[in-house]
């Protein structure tokens, strides 16, 4: 059984352009793998609370000393990390809002990037602890940012994925979706999805 974890973060839900590109990727994935399992982590219909002092305190408190509320907060992080570990590959649909990823997606990463669990600090700097696996990013944005040197979305995603040990990252980019070349950009992204070599 080949498992794909789909992390969905468009505030427009199924109507979002990144979600629609994800549907195309998932259809191809399921056609490629006769036995596959899809796990959907929908960050819009089931939002994750943004990081706060209580959550950070819970994650840094020894299990034997945690309160019931702290155990619940840690359990969420444990569940999200387990989904990442169990997946054979990860699909992240990531639109750009105000030069960055959706805050809902940032909240997911805040729970997954966990000291001593998915990364650790060493004398030579931080080391990711997750087993590397393919990560496919479908990055959408309304304007043209890549060639203008204003893309802070994809570099950040690659940075934090690599921080926890996920370096095998493939990016499909669809730009100018609020401009006149939107249809051309979507078609190009669709073609790129169709040409991805699935192992």
N, C-alpha and C. Protein backbone atom coordinates (compact mmCIF):
# COMPACT_ATOMS: atom_id res chain seq x y z
N UNK A 1 0.84 -1.19 0.00
CA UNK A 1 0.00 0.00 0.00
C UNK A 1 0.88 1.25 0.00
N UNK A 2 0.64 2.13 -0.98
CA UNK A 2 1.41 3.37 -1.08
C UNK A 2 0.56 4.52 -0.57
N UNK A 3 1.03 5.20 0.47
CA UNK A 3 0.22 6.23 1.12
C UNK A 3 0.70 7.63 0.75
N UNK A 4 -0.26 8.47 0.36
CA UNK A 4 0.00 9.87 0.05
C UNK A 4 -0.70 10.74 1.08
N UNK A 5 0.05 11.62 1.73
CA UNK A 5 -0.52 12.60 2.64
C UNK A 5 -0.73 13.90 1.87
N UNK A 6 -1.98 14.34 1.80
CA UNK A 6 -2.33 15.58 1.12
C UNK A 6 -2.62 16.66 2.15
N UNK A 7 -1.79 17.71 2.16
CA UNK A 7 -1.97 18.84 3.07
C UNK A 7 -2.59 19.98 2.27
N UNK A 8 -3.82 20.32 2.63
CA UNK A 8 -4.65 21.25 1.85
C UNK A 8 -4.79 22.57 2.62
N UNK A 9 -4.48 23.71 1.97
CA UNK A 9 -4.47 24.95 2.73
C UNK A 9 -5.11 26.14 2.03
N UNK A 10 -5.84 25.92 0.94
CA UNK A 10 -6.50 27.04 0.27
C UNK A 10 -7.75 27.44 1.04
N UNK A 11 -7.90 28.72 1.33
CA UNK A 11 -9.09 29.19 2.04
C UNK A 11 -10.34 29.07 1.18
N UNK A 12 -10.16 28.80 -0.12
CA UNK A 12 -11.28 28.61 -1.02
C UNK A 12 -11.70 27.15 -1.12
N UNK A 13 -11.09 26.30 -0.30
CA UNK A 13 -11.47 24.89 -0.26
C UNK A 13 -11.25 24.19 -1.59
N UNK A 14 -12.23 23.38 -2.01
CA UNK A 14 -12.11 22.64 -3.26
C UNK A 14 -12.06 23.56 -4.47
N UNK A 15 -12.55 24.80 -4.31
CA UNK A 15 -12.54 25.73 -5.43
C UNK A 15 -11.23 26.46 -5.62
N UNK A 16 -10.32 26.32 -4.69
CA UNK A 16 -9.01 26.97 -4.82
C UNK A 16 -8.20 26.39 -5.96
N UNK A 17 -7.38 27.23 -6.58
CA UNK A 17 -6.59 26.76 -7.72
C UNK A 17 -5.56 25.72 -7.31
N UNK A 18 -4.98 25.87 -6.13
CA UNK A 18 -4.02 24.85 -5.66
C UNK A 18 -4.75 23.54 -5.38
N UNK A 19 -5.99 23.61 -4.88
CA UNK A 19 -6.76 22.40 -4.61
C UNK A 19 -7.12 21.68 -5.91
N UNK A 20 -7.45 22.45 -6.94
CA UNK A 20 -7.80 21.84 -8.22
C UNK A 20 -6.58 21.18 -8.88
N UNK A 21 -5.43 21.82 -8.75
CA UNK A 21 -4.21 21.18 -9.26
C UNK A 21 -3.91 19.92 -8.45
N UNK A 22 -4.18 19.97 -7.16
CA UNK A 22 -3.97 18.79 -6.31
C UNK A 22 -4.87 17.64 -6.74
N UNK A 23 -6.11 17.95 -7.12
CA UNK A 23 -7.01 16.90 -7.60
C UNK A 23 -6.41 16.19 -8.81
N UNK A 24 -5.79 16.94 -9.68
CA UNK A 24 -5.18 16.35 -10.87
C UNK A 24 -4.01 15.46 -10.48
N UNK A 25 -3.19 15.95 -9.54
CA UNK A 25 -2.04 15.16 -9.07
C UNK A 25 -2.52 13.87 -8.43
N UNK A 26 -3.54 13.97 -7.56
CA UNK A 26 -4.04 12.79 -6.84
C UNK A 26 -4.61 11.76 -7.81
N UNK A 27 -5.32 12.23 -8.82
CA UNK A 27 -5.87 11.32 -9.83
C UNK A 27 -4.75 10.56 -10.53
N UNK A 28 -3.68 11.27 -10.85
CA UNK A 28 -2.54 10.61 -11.50
C UNK A 28 -1.85 9.65 -10.54
N UNK A 29 -1.71 10.06 -9.28
CA UNK A 29 -1.09 9.21 -8.27
C UNK A 29 -1.85 7.89 -8.12
N UNK A 30 -3.16 8.00 -8.02
CA UNK A 30 -3.98 6.81 -7.82
C UNK A 30 -4.02 5.93 -9.05
N UNK A 31 -3.86 6.52 -10.23
CA UNK A 31 -3.77 5.72 -11.45
C UNK A 31 -2.45 4.99 -11.54
N UNK A 32 -1.40 5.65 -11.03
CA UNK A 32 -0.05 5.07 -11.08
C UNK A 32 0.10 3.91 -10.10
N UNK A 33 -0.44 4.09 -8.90
CA UNK A 33 -0.34 3.06 -7.87
C UNK A 33 -1.69 2.36 -7.73
N UNK A 34 -1.74 1.11 -8.16
CA UNK A 34 -3.00 0.36 -8.11
C UNK A 34 -3.49 0.19 -6.69
N UNK A 35 -2.56 0.13 -5.74
CA UNK A 35 -2.92 0.05 -4.33
C UNK A 35 -2.36 1.29 -3.63
N UNK A 36 -3.24 2.22 -3.34
CA UNK A 36 -2.79 3.46 -2.71
C UNK A 36 -3.80 3.90 -1.66
N UNK A 37 -3.30 4.70 -0.73
CA UNK A 37 -4.14 5.21 0.35
C UNK A 37 -3.92 6.72 0.44
N UNK A 38 -5.02 7.47 0.44
CA UNK A 38 -4.94 8.92 0.51
C UNK A 38 -5.36 9.39 1.89
N UNK A 39 -4.47 10.14 2.55
CA UNK A 39 -4.79 10.76 3.83
C UNK A 39 -4.85 12.26 3.60
N UNK A 40 -5.99 12.87 3.89
CA UNK A 40 -6.18 14.30 3.66
C UNK A 40 -6.13 15.05 4.99
N UNK A 41 -5.24 16.00 5.07
CA UNK A 41 -5.18 16.90 6.23
C UNK A 41 -5.66 18.27 5.73
N UNK A 42 -6.95 18.53 5.91
CA UNK A 42 -7.57 19.77 5.43
C UNK A 42 -7.44 20.83 6.52
N UNK A 43 -6.57 21.78 6.32
CA UNK A 43 -6.28 22.79 7.33
C UNK A 43 -7.31 23.91 7.37
N UNK A 44 -8.26 23.89 6.42
CA UNK A 44 -9.31 24.90 6.40
C UNK A 44 -10.57 24.38 7.08
N UNK A 45 -11.01 23.18 6.70
CA UNK A 45 -12.21 22.62 7.33
C UNK A 45 -11.93 22.14 8.75
N UNK A 46 -10.67 21.79 9.01
CA UNK A 46 -10.26 21.37 10.35
C UNK A 46 -9.01 22.17 10.74
N UNK A 47 -9.18 23.45 11.05
CA UNK A 47 -8.03 24.31 11.32
C UNK A 47 -7.28 23.93 12.59
N UNK A 48 -5.98 24.16 12.54
CA UNK A 48 -5.10 23.93 13.69
C UNK A 48 -4.85 25.27 14.37
N UNK A 49 -5.00 25.31 15.67
CA UNK A 49 -4.79 26.56 16.39
C UNK A 49 -3.36 27.04 16.19
N UNK A 50 -3.21 28.35 16.06
CA UNK A 50 -1.88 28.92 15.91
C UNK A 50 -1.09 28.76 17.20
N UNK A 51 0.22 28.74 17.06
CA UNK A 51 1.11 28.56 18.20
C UNK A 51 0.87 29.62 19.27
N UNK A 52 0.89 29.19 20.52
CA UNK A 52 0.81 30.13 21.63
C UNK A 52 1.68 29.62 22.77
N UNK A 53 1.74 30.39 23.82
CA UNK A 53 2.62 30.04 24.94
C UNK A 53 2.24 28.69 25.56
N UNK A 54 0.92 28.43 25.65
CA UNK A 54 0.47 27.19 26.27
C UNK A 54 0.93 25.97 25.47
N UNK A 55 0.86 26.06 24.15
CA UNK A 55 1.29 24.94 23.30
C UNK A 55 2.79 24.71 23.42
N UNK A 56 3.56 25.78 23.33
CA UNK A 56 5.02 25.65 23.44
C UNK A 56 5.40 25.07 24.79
N UNK A 57 4.74 25.51 25.84
CA UNK A 57 5.01 24.98 27.18
C UNK A 57 4.67 23.51 27.26
N UNK A 58 3.55 23.12 26.68
CA UNK A 58 3.14 21.71 26.69
C UNK A 58 4.15 20.83 25.99
N UNK A 59 4.64 21.29 24.83
CA UNK A 59 5.57 20.49 24.04
C UNK A 59 6.94 20.38 24.72
N UNK A 60 7.24 21.30 25.61
CA UNK A 60 8.55 21.28 26.28
C UNK A 60 8.46 20.72 27.71
N UNK A 61 7.27 20.26 28.11
CA UNK A 61 7.09 19.69 29.46
C UNK A 61 7.18 18.17 29.40
N UNK A 62 7.90 17.59 30.33
CA UNK A 62 8.02 16.13 30.38
C UNK A 62 6.64 15.50 30.48
N UNK A 63 6.46 14.37 29.80
CA UNK A 63 5.16 13.71 29.75
C UNK A 63 4.60 13.40 31.13
N UNK A 64 5.48 13.06 32.07
CA UNK A 64 5.04 12.71 33.42
C UNK A 64 4.50 13.90 34.19
N UNK A 65 4.81 15.10 33.72
CA UNK A 65 4.39 16.31 34.43
C UNK A 65 3.32 17.10 33.69
N UNK A 66 2.86 16.61 32.56
CA UNK A 66 1.88 17.34 31.78
C UNK A 66 0.48 17.27 32.39
N UNK A 67 -0.23 18.37 32.29
CA UNK A 67 -1.63 18.40 32.69
C UNK A 67 -2.47 17.74 31.59
N UNK A 68 -3.74 17.52 31.87
CA UNK A 68 -4.62 16.91 30.87
C UNK A 68 -4.71 17.79 29.62
N UNK A 69 -4.79 19.10 29.81
CA UNK A 69 -4.84 20.03 28.68
C UNK A 69 -3.54 19.98 27.88
N UNK A 70 -2.42 19.90 28.57
CA UNK A 70 -1.14 19.83 27.87
C UNK A 70 -1.02 18.52 27.08
N UNK A 71 -1.51 17.44 27.65
CA UNK A 71 -1.47 16.15 26.94
C UNK A 71 -2.28 16.22 25.64
N UNK A 72 -3.41 16.91 25.68
CA UNK A 72 -4.22 17.06 24.47
C UNK A 72 -3.49 17.86 23.41
N UNK A 73 -2.78 18.90 23.83
CA UNK A 73 -2.02 19.71 22.87
C UNK A 73 -0.88 18.90 22.26
N UNK A 74 -0.20 18.13 23.06
CA UNK A 74 0.89 17.28 22.57
C UNK A 74 0.36 16.19 21.65
N UNK A 75 -0.82 15.67 21.97
CA UNK A 75 -1.41 14.60 21.16
C UNK A 75 -1.66 15.06 19.73
N UNK A 76 -2.06 16.32 19.56
CA UNK A 76 -2.28 16.84 18.21
C UNK A 76 -0.98 16.85 17.43
N UNK A 77 0.08 17.37 18.05
CA UNK A 77 1.39 17.39 17.39
C UNK A 77 1.84 15.98 17.05
N UNK A 78 1.65 15.05 17.99
CA UNK A 78 2.02 13.65 17.76
C UNK A 78 1.28 13.08 16.55
N UNK A 79 -0.01 13.39 16.45
CA UNK A 79 -0.82 12.87 15.35
C UNK A 79 -0.35 13.42 14.00
N UNK A 80 -0.09 14.71 13.95
CA UNK A 80 0.35 15.33 12.69
C UNK A 80 1.71 14.78 12.26
N UNK A 81 2.60 14.59 13.22
CA UNK A 81 3.92 14.04 12.90
C UNK A 81 3.80 12.59 12.45
N UNK A 82 2.90 11.84 13.09
CA UNK A 82 2.69 10.44 12.71
C UNK A 82 2.20 10.35 11.27
N UNK A 83 1.33 11.26 10.86
CA UNK A 83 0.84 11.26 9.48
C UNK A 83 1.98 11.48 8.50
N UNK A 84 2.90 12.37 8.85
CA UNK A 84 4.05 12.63 7.99
C UNK A 84 4.95 11.40 7.92
N UNK A 85 5.20 10.78 9.06
CA UNK A 85 6.09 9.62 9.10
C UNK A 85 5.51 8.43 8.34
N UNK A 86 4.21 8.23 8.44
CA UNK A 86 3.57 7.07 7.83
C UNK A 86 3.43 7.19 6.32
N UNK A 87 3.43 8.41 5.82
CA UNK A 87 3.22 8.63 4.40
C UNK A 87 4.45 8.21 3.59
N UNK A 88 4.20 7.70 2.41
CA UNK A 88 5.29 7.41 1.47
C UNK A 88 5.68 8.65 0.68
N UNK A 89 4.75 9.57 0.56
CA UNK A 89 5.00 10.85 -0.11
C UNK A 89 4.01 11.88 0.43
N UNK A 90 4.36 13.15 0.26
CA UNK A 90 3.53 14.24 0.78
C UNK A 90 3.21 15.21 -0.36
N UNK A 91 1.96 15.61 -0.45
CA UNK A 91 1.51 16.61 -1.42
C UNK A 91 1.03 17.83 -0.63
N UNK A 92 1.64 18.99 -0.90
CA UNK A 92 1.27 20.22 -0.21
C UNK A 92 0.72 21.21 -1.23
N UNK A 93 -0.56 21.55 -1.10
CA UNK A 93 -1.17 22.56 -1.95
C UNK A 93 -1.03 23.89 -1.22
N UNK A 94 -0.20 24.78 -1.76
CA UNK A 94 0.18 25.99 -1.03
C UNK A 94 -0.02 27.25 -1.86
N UNK A 95 -1.15 27.92 -1.70
CA UNK A 95 -1.30 29.23 -2.34
C UNK A 95 -0.45 30.28 -1.63
N UNK A 96 -0.22 31.38 -2.31
CA UNK A 96 0.49 32.50 -1.69
C UNK A 96 -0.53 33.57 -1.29
N UNK A 97 -0.48 33.97 -0.03
CA UNK A 97 -1.28 35.10 0.44
C UNK A 97 -0.34 36.14 1.04
N UNK A 98 -0.33 37.34 0.47
CA UNK A 98 0.51 38.42 1.00
C UNK A 98 1.97 38.00 1.14
N UNK A 99 2.50 37.41 0.07
CA UNK A 99 3.91 37.03 -0.05
C UNK A 99 4.31 35.80 0.77
N UNK A 100 3.37 35.14 1.41
CA UNK A 100 3.72 34.00 2.28
C UNK A 100 2.71 32.88 2.12
N UNK A 101 2.97 31.77 2.79
CA UNK A 101 2.03 30.65 2.79
C UNK A 101 0.83 31.03 3.67
N UNK A 102 -0.30 30.36 3.52
CA UNK A 102 -1.44 30.62 4.41
C UNK A 102 -1.05 30.40 5.87
N UNK A 103 -1.62 31.20 6.75
CA UNK A 103 -1.29 31.05 8.17
C UNK A 103 -1.69 29.67 8.68
N UNK A 104 -2.71 29.06 8.06
CA UNK A 104 -3.13 27.72 8.46
C UNK A 104 -2.03 26.69 8.17
N UNK A 105 -1.32 26.88 7.06
CA UNK A 105 -0.22 25.97 6.72
C UNK A 105 0.96 26.21 7.66
N UNK A 106 1.21 27.47 8.00
CA UNK A 106 2.27 27.77 8.97
C UNK A 106 1.97 27.11 10.31
N UNK A 107 0.70 27.11 10.72
CA UNK A 107 0.32 26.48 11.98
C UNK A 107 0.60 24.98 11.96
N UNK A 108 0.39 24.35 10.79
CA UNK A 108 0.70 22.91 10.64
C UNK A 108 2.19 22.67 10.81
N UNK A 109 3.00 23.47 10.13
CA UNK A 109 4.44 23.31 10.23
C UNK A 109 4.92 23.55 11.67
N UNK A 110 4.31 24.49 12.37
CA UNK A 110 4.71 24.76 13.75
C UNK A 110 4.52 23.53 14.64
N UNK A 111 3.53 22.71 14.32
CA UNK A 111 3.29 21.49 15.09
C UNK A 111 4.20 20.34 14.66
N UNK A 112 4.59 20.35 13.39
CA UNK A 112 5.41 19.26 12.85
C UNK A 112 6.90 19.46 13.14
N UNK A 113 7.36 20.71 13.08
CA UNK A 113 8.77 21.01 13.36
C UNK A 113 8.96 21.05 14.87
N UNK A 114 9.39 19.93 15.43
CA UNK A 114 9.42 19.79 16.90
C UNK A 114 10.79 19.31 17.37
N UNK A 115 11.39 20.11 18.23
CA UNK A 115 12.72 19.82 18.74
C UNK A 115 12.76 18.47 19.46
N UNK A 116 13.73 17.64 19.08
CA UNK A 116 13.89 16.33 19.69
C UNK A 116 13.04 15.25 19.06
N UNK A 117 12.13 15.64 18.16
CA UNK A 117 11.24 14.67 17.52
C UNK A 117 11.46 14.64 16.00
N UNK A 118 11.36 15.80 15.36
CA UNK A 118 11.58 15.86 13.91
C UNK A 118 12.87 16.60 13.54
N UNK A 119 13.50 17.22 14.53
CA UNK A 119 14.84 17.79 14.34
C UNK A 119 15.52 17.87 15.70
N UNK A 120 16.83 18.05 15.65
CA UNK A 120 17.58 18.23 16.89
C UNK A 120 18.72 19.20 16.64
N UNK A 121 19.18 19.83 17.70
CA UNK A 121 20.33 20.72 17.62
C UNK A 121 21.58 19.96 18.00
N UNK A 122 22.63 20.15 17.21
CA UNK A 122 23.92 19.53 17.48
C UNK A 122 25.00 20.60 17.48
N UNK A 123 26.23 20.20 17.78
CA UNK A 123 27.35 21.14 17.77
C UNK A 123 27.57 21.73 16.39
N UNK A 124 27.13 20.98 15.37
CA UNK A 124 27.30 21.44 13.99
C UNK A 124 26.05 22.07 13.41
N UNK A 125 25.09 22.34 14.28
CA UNK A 125 23.86 22.95 13.81
C UNK A 125 22.69 21.99 13.85
N UNK A 126 21.50 22.43 13.42
CA UNK A 126 20.31 21.57 13.46
C UNK A 126 20.39 20.44 12.46
N UNK A 127 19.79 19.30 12.84
CA UNK A 127 19.75 18.12 11.98
C UNK A 127 18.31 17.61 11.92
N UNK A 128 17.80 17.40 10.72
CA UNK A 128 16.46 16.86 10.56
C UNK A 128 16.43 15.39 10.93
N UNK A 129 15.35 14.96 11.55
CA UNK A 129 15.24 13.58 12.03
C UNK A 129 14.22 12.75 11.25
N UNK A 130 13.48 13.37 10.33
CA UNK A 130 12.51 12.61 9.54
C UNK A 130 13.21 11.87 8.41
N UNK A 131 12.71 10.69 8.11
CA UNK A 131 13.23 9.93 6.96
C UNK A 131 12.81 10.65 5.69
N UNK A 132 13.76 10.89 4.80
CA UNK A 132 13.47 11.63 3.58
C UNK A 132 12.50 10.86 2.70
N UNK A 133 11.64 11.60 2.02
CA UNK A 133 10.64 11.02 1.12
C UNK A 133 10.22 12.10 0.14
N UNK A 134 9.59 11.75 -0.98
CA UNK A 134 9.17 12.78 -1.94
C UNK A 134 8.12 13.72 -1.35
N UNK A 135 8.35 15.02 -1.58
CA UNK A 135 7.37 16.04 -1.21
C UNK A 135 7.07 16.84 -2.47
N UNK A 136 5.80 16.92 -2.83
CA UNK A 136 5.37 17.65 -4.01
C UNK A 136 4.63 18.91 -3.55
N UNK A 137 5.12 20.07 -3.99
CA UNK A 137 4.51 21.34 -3.63
C UNK A 137 3.82 21.92 -4.85
N UNK A 138 2.54 22.23 -4.72
CA UNK A 138 1.80 22.93 -5.76
C UNK A 138 1.63 24.36 -5.29
N UNK A 139 2.47 25.25 -5.81
CA UNK A 139 2.53 26.63 -5.35
C UNK A 139 1.79 27.53 -6.34
N UNK A 140 0.76 28.20 -5.86
CA UNK A 140 -0.01 29.09 -6.71
C UNK A 140 0.05 30.50 -6.16
N UNK A 141 -0.02 31.47 -7.07
CA UNK A 141 -0.03 32.88 -6.67
C UNK A 141 -0.65 33.74 -7.76
N UNK A 142 -1.26 34.84 -7.35
CA UNK A 142 -1.98 35.68 -8.30
C UNK A 142 -1.11 36.48 -9.23
N UNK A 143 0.07 36.89 -8.75
CA UNK A 143 0.97 37.71 -9.55
C UNK A 143 2.20 36.95 -10.01
N UNK A 144 3.14 37.70 -10.60
CA UNK A 144 4.40 37.12 -11.07
C UNK A 144 5.50 37.50 -10.08
N UNK A 145 6.01 36.53 -9.36
CA UNK A 145 6.97 36.81 -8.29
C UNK A 145 8.33 36.14 -8.49
N UNK A 146 8.34 34.98 -9.13
CA UNK A 146 9.58 34.19 -9.20
C UNK A 146 10.70 34.97 -9.89
N UNK A 147 10.46 35.40 -11.12
CA UNK A 147 11.51 36.10 -11.87
C UNK A 147 11.79 37.49 -11.33
N UNK A 148 10.85 38.03 -10.55
CA UNK A 148 11.05 39.35 -9.96
C UNK A 148 11.85 39.31 -8.67
N UNK A 149 12.21 38.09 -8.24
CA UNK A 149 12.98 37.95 -7.01
C UNK A 149 12.16 38.20 -5.75
N UNK A 150 10.84 38.00 -5.86
CA UNK A 150 9.96 38.27 -4.73
C UNK A 150 9.26 37.01 -4.22
N UNK A 151 9.86 35.87 -4.52
CA UNK A 151 9.26 34.60 -4.09
C UNK A 151 9.81 34.23 -2.71
N UNK A 152 9.02 34.49 -1.68
CA UNK A 152 9.40 34.10 -0.32
C UNK A 152 8.63 32.86 0.13
N UNK A 153 7.74 32.41 -0.71
CA UNK A 153 6.87 31.27 -0.40
C UNK A 153 7.61 29.94 -0.57
N UNK A 154 8.08 29.67 -1.79
CA UNK A 154 8.73 28.39 -2.08
C UNK A 154 10.05 28.24 -1.32
N UNK A 155 10.93 29.27 -1.28
CA UNK A 155 12.17 29.10 -0.51
C UNK A 155 11.90 28.78 0.96
N UNK A 156 10.88 29.40 1.55
CA UNK A 156 10.56 29.10 2.95
C UNK A 156 10.09 27.66 3.11
N UNK A 157 9.25 27.21 2.20
CA UNK A 157 8.78 25.83 2.26
C UNK A 157 9.94 24.84 2.16
N UNK A 158 10.85 25.08 1.22
CA UNK A 158 12.01 24.21 1.09
C UNK A 158 12.89 24.25 2.32
N UNK A 159 13.04 25.45 2.90
CA UNK A 159 13.87 25.60 4.09
C UNK A 159 13.33 24.79 5.26
N UNK A 160 12.04 24.94 5.56
CA UNK A 160 11.51 24.25 6.73
C UNK A 160 11.36 22.75 6.50
N UNK A 161 11.08 22.35 5.27
CA UNK A 161 11.04 20.91 4.97
C UNK A 161 12.43 20.30 5.16
N UNK A 162 13.46 20.97 4.64
CA UNK A 162 14.81 20.48 4.82
C UNK A 162 15.24 20.48 6.27
N UNK A 163 14.71 21.43 7.04
CA UNK A 163 15.04 21.54 8.46
C UNK A 163 14.66 20.29 9.23
N UNK A 164 13.55 19.64 8.81
CA UNK A 164 13.11 18.42 9.49
C UNK A 164 13.55 17.16 8.75
N UNK A 165 14.35 17.31 7.70
CA UNK A 165 14.93 16.15 7.02
C UNK A 165 14.32 15.80 5.68
N UNK A 166 13.41 16.62 5.18
CA UNK A 166 12.74 16.33 3.90
C UNK A 166 13.36 17.20 2.81
N UNK A 167 14.24 16.58 2.03
CA UNK A 167 15.00 17.32 1.02
C UNK A 167 14.57 17.00 -0.41
N UNK A 168 13.85 15.91 -0.59
CA UNK A 168 13.43 15.47 -1.92
C UNK A 168 12.14 16.20 -2.31
N UNK A 169 12.30 17.46 -2.73
CA UNK A 169 11.15 18.35 -2.95
C UNK A 169 11.02 18.69 -4.43
N UNK A 170 9.81 18.51 -4.95
CA UNK A 170 9.49 18.88 -6.33
C UNK A 170 8.44 19.97 -6.29
N UNK A 171 8.68 21.09 -6.98
CA UNK A 171 7.76 22.22 -6.97
C UNK A 171 7.11 22.40 -8.33
N UNK A 172 5.79 22.50 -8.33
CA UNK A 172 5.05 22.89 -9.53
C UNK A 172 4.49 24.28 -9.26
N UNK A 173 4.85 25.22 -10.11
CA UNK A 173 4.54 26.63 -9.88
C UNK A 173 3.50 27.13 -10.88
N UNK A 174 2.47 27.79 -10.37
CA UNK A 174 1.47 28.42 -11.23
C UNK A 174 1.36 29.88 -10.80
N UNK A 175 1.86 30.79 -11.66
CA UNK A 175 1.90 32.22 -11.33
C UNK A 175 0.94 33.01 -12.22
N UNK A 176 0.71 34.26 -11.82
CA UNK A 176 -0.10 35.16 -12.63
C UNK A 176 -1.56 34.74 -12.74
N UNK A 177 -2.07 34.08 -11.70
CA UNK A 177 -3.43 33.54 -11.78
C UNK A 177 -4.51 34.61 -11.64
N UNK A 178 -4.13 35.83 -11.27
CA UNK A 178 -5.08 36.94 -11.26
C UNK A 178 -4.78 37.91 -12.40
N UNK A 179 -4.02 37.42 -13.38
CA UNK A 179 -3.60 38.25 -14.50
C UNK A 179 -4.09 37.63 -15.81
N UNK A 180 -3.74 38.26 -16.91
CA UNK A 180 -4.27 37.83 -18.22
C UNK A 180 -3.74 36.47 -18.66
N UNK A 181 -2.58 36.05 -18.10
CA UNK A 181 -1.98 34.79 -18.54
C UNK A 181 -2.34 33.63 -17.61
N UNK A 182 -3.44 33.78 -16.87
CA UNK A 182 -3.82 32.76 -15.90
C UNK A 182 -4.04 31.39 -16.53
N UNK A 183 -4.81 31.35 -17.61
CA UNK A 183 -5.13 30.07 -18.25
C UNK A 183 -3.87 29.37 -18.75
N UNK A 184 -2.96 30.12 -19.33
CA UNK A 184 -1.71 29.56 -19.80
C UNK A 184 -0.90 28.99 -18.65
N UNK A 185 -0.86 29.68 -17.52
CA UNK A 185 -0.10 29.24 -16.36
C UNK A 185 -0.69 27.96 -15.78
N UNK A 186 -2.02 27.87 -15.70
CA UNK A 186 -2.67 26.66 -15.19
C UNK A 186 -2.38 25.48 -16.10
N UNK A 187 -2.47 25.70 -17.40
CA UNK A 187 -2.21 24.62 -18.35
C UNK A 187 -0.78 24.13 -18.24
N UNK A 188 0.15 25.06 -18.06
CA UNK A 188 1.55 24.69 -17.91
C UNK A 188 1.76 23.85 -16.65
N UNK A 189 1.11 24.26 -15.55
CA UNK A 189 1.22 23.50 -14.30
C UNK A 189 0.60 22.12 -14.45
N UNK A 190 -0.51 22.03 -15.13
CA UNK A 190 -1.15 20.73 -15.36
C UNK A 190 -0.23 19.80 -16.15
N UNK A 191 0.40 20.34 -17.18
CA UNK A 191 1.32 19.55 -17.99
C UNK A 191 2.52 19.09 -17.16
N UNK A 192 2.98 19.96 -16.27
CA UNK A 192 4.11 19.59 -15.42
C UNK A 192 3.72 18.48 -14.45
N UNK A 193 2.51 18.56 -13.92
CA UNK A 193 2.02 17.49 -13.03
C UNK A 193 1.96 16.17 -13.79
N UNK A 194 1.48 16.22 -15.02
CA UNK A 194 1.35 15.01 -15.83
C UNK A 194 2.71 14.40 -16.18
N UNK A 195 3.75 15.21 -16.17
CA UNK A 195 5.08 14.72 -16.56
C UNK A 195 5.96 14.31 -15.38
N UNK A 196 5.48 14.49 -14.15
CA UNK A 196 6.26 14.11 -12.97
C UNK A 196 6.51 12.61 -12.98
N UNK A 197 7.76 12.23 -12.75
CA UNK A 197 8.12 10.82 -12.71
C UNK A 197 7.86 10.29 -11.30
N UNK A 198 6.83 9.47 -11.18
CA UNK A 198 6.51 8.87 -9.89
C UNK A 198 7.30 7.58 -9.73
N UNK A 199 7.97 7.41 -8.58
CA UNK A 199 8.82 6.24 -8.40
C UNK A 199 7.98 5.03 -8.02
